[in-house]
Amino acid sequence: MSDPRGVPLDVEAKLHQLERLVAEAKTVPLSASIMVNRAEVDGLVADIRDALPEELTQARWVVKERDEILERAEVDAARLIDDARAEQGHLVSQEDVVRAADREATRILGEAREHARQIRLEAEDYVDAKLANFEIVLTKTLSAVEKGRQKLRGRLDTDQLAEDELADLDEGY
């Protein structure tokens, strides 16, 4: 028969006896210790051990098996961690290759941008030179037009205008 906690009654009774023995024991003066009869305590402990149910022995085996399973699991976990670290090393080396390729791509892209900038600057210089020449021709043409208009207004001598126009046109071509 068992109490509500599942402990057999004879074990419960022996534990009460042990508690009573401790409670009624003489105290050692000036300390928290007590004096008990060793033979009585040893006898009660032996009786309690004998009265313990078989389930406790089985529970000890279960705990032992659990410990063995946990030990195997720890070994397996350590092996998995080692495998994972090896895989991580492999992935890191692949990542290094990717980083190197990325650096090379960045370098090539930088060179391409610099080359494009150089071409753009050269094109701008070429266009600027052509526009400057065109500006000179236009200025001379505008000057000739202005002189022609002034001639029409009678402000310049005809001979002078002809000489100036020929000289200006010869210089522009």
Protein backbone atom coordinates (compact mmCIF):
# COMPACT_ATOMS: atom_id res chain seq x y z
CA MET A 1 0.00 0.00 0.00
CA SER A 2 1.19 3.58 -0.76
CA ASP A 3 0.43 7.08 0.47
CA PRO A 4 -0.86 9.75 -1.98
CA ARG A 5 2.73 10.54 -3.06
CA GLY A 6 3.35 6.94 -4.14
CA VAL A 7 5.71 6.08 -1.24
CA PRO A 8 5.05 2.68 0.43
CA LEU A 9 3.66 2.98 3.96
CA ASP A 10 6.51 1.08 5.65
CA VAL A 11 9.05 3.48 4.03
CA GLU A 12 6.94 6.43 5.19
CA ALA A 13 6.79 5.02 8.72
CA LYS A 14 10.56 4.45 8.82
CA LEU A 15 11.19 8.02 7.60
CA HIS A 16 8.93 9.30 10.43
CA GLN A 17 10.96 7.25 12.90
CA LEU A 18 14.18 8.75 11.56
CA GLU A 19 12.74 12.27 11.79
CA ARG A 20 11.60 11.61 15.39
CA LEU A 21 15.06 10.22 16.26
CA VAL A 22 16.70 13.40 14.94
CA ALA A 23 14.14 15.68 16.60
CA GLU A 24 14.54 13.98 19.99
CA ALA A 25 18.34 13.73 19.82
CA LYS A 26 20.45 15.54 22.41
CA THR A 27 22.12 18.74 21.20
CA VAL A 28 25.83 19.33 21.43
CA PRO A 29 26.41 22.36 23.66
CA LEU A 30 27.36 25.59 21.86
CA SER A 31 26.75 24.15 18.35
CA ALA A 32 24.00 23.28 15.91
CA SER A 33 24.99 19.58 16.02
CA ILE A 34 23.10 16.73 17.66
CA MET A 35 24.10 13.34 19.10
CA VAL A 36 22.35 10.26 17.75
CA ASN A 37 22.93 6.58 18.20
CA ARG A 38 24.76 5.39 15.12
CA ALA A 39 23.34 1.85 15.33
CA GLU A 40 19.77 3.19 15.45
CA VAL A 41 20.35 5.45 12.42
CA ASP A 42 22.12 2.69 10.45
CA GLY A 43 19.28 0.27 11.24
CA LEU A 44 16.59 2.74 10.12
CA VAL A 45 18.48 3.53 6.89
CA ALA A 46 18.86 -0.21 6.14
CA ASP A 47 15.14 -0.79 6.83
CA ILE A 48 14.23 2.13 4.52
CA ARG A 49 16.50 0.80 1.79
CA ASP A 50 14.93 -2.67 2.08
CA ALA A 51 11.45 -1.18 2.00
CA LEU A 52 12.02 0.88 -1.14
CA PRO A 53 10.00 -0.41 -4.08
CA GLU A 54 11.52 -2.15 -7.11
CA GLU A 55 10.54 0.87 -9.21
CA LEU A 56 13.36 2.86 -7.62
CA THR A 57 15.88 0.28 -8.82
CA GLN A 58 14.31 0.44 -12.26
CA ALA A 59 14.43 4.21 -12.10
CA ARG A 60 18.15 4.03 -11.37
CA TRP A 61 18.59 1.89 -14.51
CA VAL A 62 16.52 4.35 -16.51
CA VAL A 63 18.68 7.20 -15.25
CA LYS A 64 21.83 5.22 -16.12
CA GLU A 65 20.50 4.50 -19.63
CA ARG A 66 19.54 8.14 -20.00
CA ASP A 67 23.08 9.18 -19.04
CA GLU A 68 24.50 6.77 -21.63
CA ILE A 69 22.13 8.13 -24.28
CA LEU A 70 23.10 11.68 -23.36
CA GLU A 71 26.78 10.76 -23.59
CA ARG A 72 26.26 9.26 -27.06
CA ALA A 73 24.27 12.34 -28.05
CA GLU A 74 27.12 14.58 -26.88
CA VAL A 75 29.60 12.55 -28.94
CA ASP A 76 27.28 12.78 -31.96
CA ALA A 77 26.82 16.50 -31.36
CA ALA A 78 30.59 17.01 -31.16
CA ARG A 79 31.01 15.11 -34.44
CA LEU A 80 28.28 17.21 -36.08
CA ILE A 81 29.94 20.39 -34.81
CA ASP A 82 33.28 19.23 -36.24
CA ASP A 83 31.59 18.47 -39.57
CA ALA A 84 29.87 21.85 -39.51
CA ARG A 85 33.16 23.61 -38.81
CA ALA A 86 34.79 21.79 -41.72
CA GLU A 87 31.90 22.83 -43.98
CA GLN A 88 32.19 26.37 -42.65
CA GLY A 89 35.88 26.37 -43.55
CA HIS A 90 35.00 25.19 -47.04
CA LEU A 91 32.35 27.88 -47.40
CA VAL A 92 34.73 30.53 -46.08
CA SER A 93 37.30 29.53 -48.69
CA GLN A 94 34.60 29.82 -51.36
CA GLU A 95 33.65 33.18 -49.87
CA ASP A 96 37.28 34.27 -50.21
CA VAL A 97 37.11 33.41 -53.92
CA VAL A 98 33.90 35.41 -54.25
CA ARG A 99 35.48 38.34 -52.42
CA ALA A 100 38.53 38.21 -54.70
CA ALA A 101 36.28 38.13 -57.76
CA ASP A 102 34.29 41.03 -56.37
CA ARG A 103 37.48 43.03 -55.79
CA GLU A 104 38.63 42.25 -59.37
CA ALA A 105 35.23 43.27 -60.77
CA THR A 106 35.41 46.51 -58.78
CA ARG A 107 38.91 47.17 -60.10
CA ILE A 108 37.84 46.50 -63.73
CA LEU A 109 34.78 48.69 -63.29
CA GLY A 110 36.97 51.49 -61.89
CA GLU A 111 39.33 51.20 -64.85
CA ALA A 112 36.40 51.26 -67.28
CA ARG A 113 34.98 54.36 -65.61
CA GLU A 114 38.38 56.07 -65.76
CA HIS A 115 38.76 55.13 -69.43
CA ALA A 116 35.26 56.47 -70.19
CA ARG A 117 36.12 59.70 -68.33
CA GLN A 118 39.30 60.08 -70.39
CA ILE A 119 37.38 59.53 -73.66
CA ARG A 120 34.72 62.03 -72.57
CA LEU A 121 37.37 64.65 -71.71
CA GLU A 122 39.13 64.09 -75.05
CA ALA A 123 35.80 64.41 -76.89
CA GLU A 124 35.00 67.59 -74.98
CA ASP A 125 38.43 69.01 -75.85
CA TYR A 126 37.93 68.10 -79.53
CA VAL A 127 34.45 69.68 -79.64
CA ASP A 128 35.76 72.76 -77.78
CA ALA A 129 38.57 73.19 -80.34
CA LYS A 130 36.13 72.84 -83.23
CA LEU A 131 33.72 75.31 -81.60
CA ALA A 132 36.59 77.78 -81.04
CA ASN A 133 37.51 77.57 -84.75
CA PHE A 134 33.87 77.95 -85.70
CA GLU A 135 33.63 80.95 -83.35
CA ILE A 136 36.62 82.58 -85.09
CA VAL A 137 35.04 82.02 -88.52
CA LEU A 138 31.70 83.33 -87.26
CA THR A 139 33.35 86.36 -85.71
CA LYS A 140 35.09 87.16 -88.98
CA THR A 141 31.88 86.54 -90.89
CA LEU A 142 29.95 88.80 -88.49
CA SER A 143 32.64 91.41 -88.87
CA ALA A 144 32.35 91.20 -92.68
CA VAL A 145 28.56 91.41 -92.43
CA GLU A 146 28.82 94.41 -90.15
CA LYS A 147 31.24 96.11 -92.53
CA GLY A 148 28.92 95.34 -95.44
CA ARG A 149 26.02 96.91 -93.61
CA GLN A 150 28.09 99.93 -92.81
CA LYS A 151 29.06 100.22 -96.46
CA LEU A 152 25.46 100.18 -97.39
CA ARG A 153 24.98 103.02 -95.00
CA GLY A 154 27.91 104.78 -96.60
CA ARG A 155 30.18 104.80 -93.59
CA LEU A 156 33.20 103.10 -95.13
CA ASP A 157 35.11 103.69 -98.28
CA THR A 158 34.38 101.06 -100.97
CA ASP A 159 38.01 100.28 -101.66
CA GLN A 160 38.80 99.83 -97.99
CA LEU A 161 35.85 97.45 -97.56
CA ALA A 162 36.91 95.26 -100.46
CA GLU A 163 40.46 94.95 -99.16
CA ASP A 164 39.29 94.13 -95.65
CA GLU A 165 36.81 91.49 -96.85
CA LEU A 166 39.39 89.73 -98.99
CA ALA A 167 41.97 89.75 -96.23
CA ASP A 168 39.45 88.41 -93.68
CA LEU A 169 38.22 85.65 -95.95
CA ASP A 170 41.75 84.57 -96.86
CA GLU A 171 42.68 84.26 -93.17
CA GLY A 172 39.59 82.16 -92.33
CA TYR A 173 40.28 79.45 -94.95
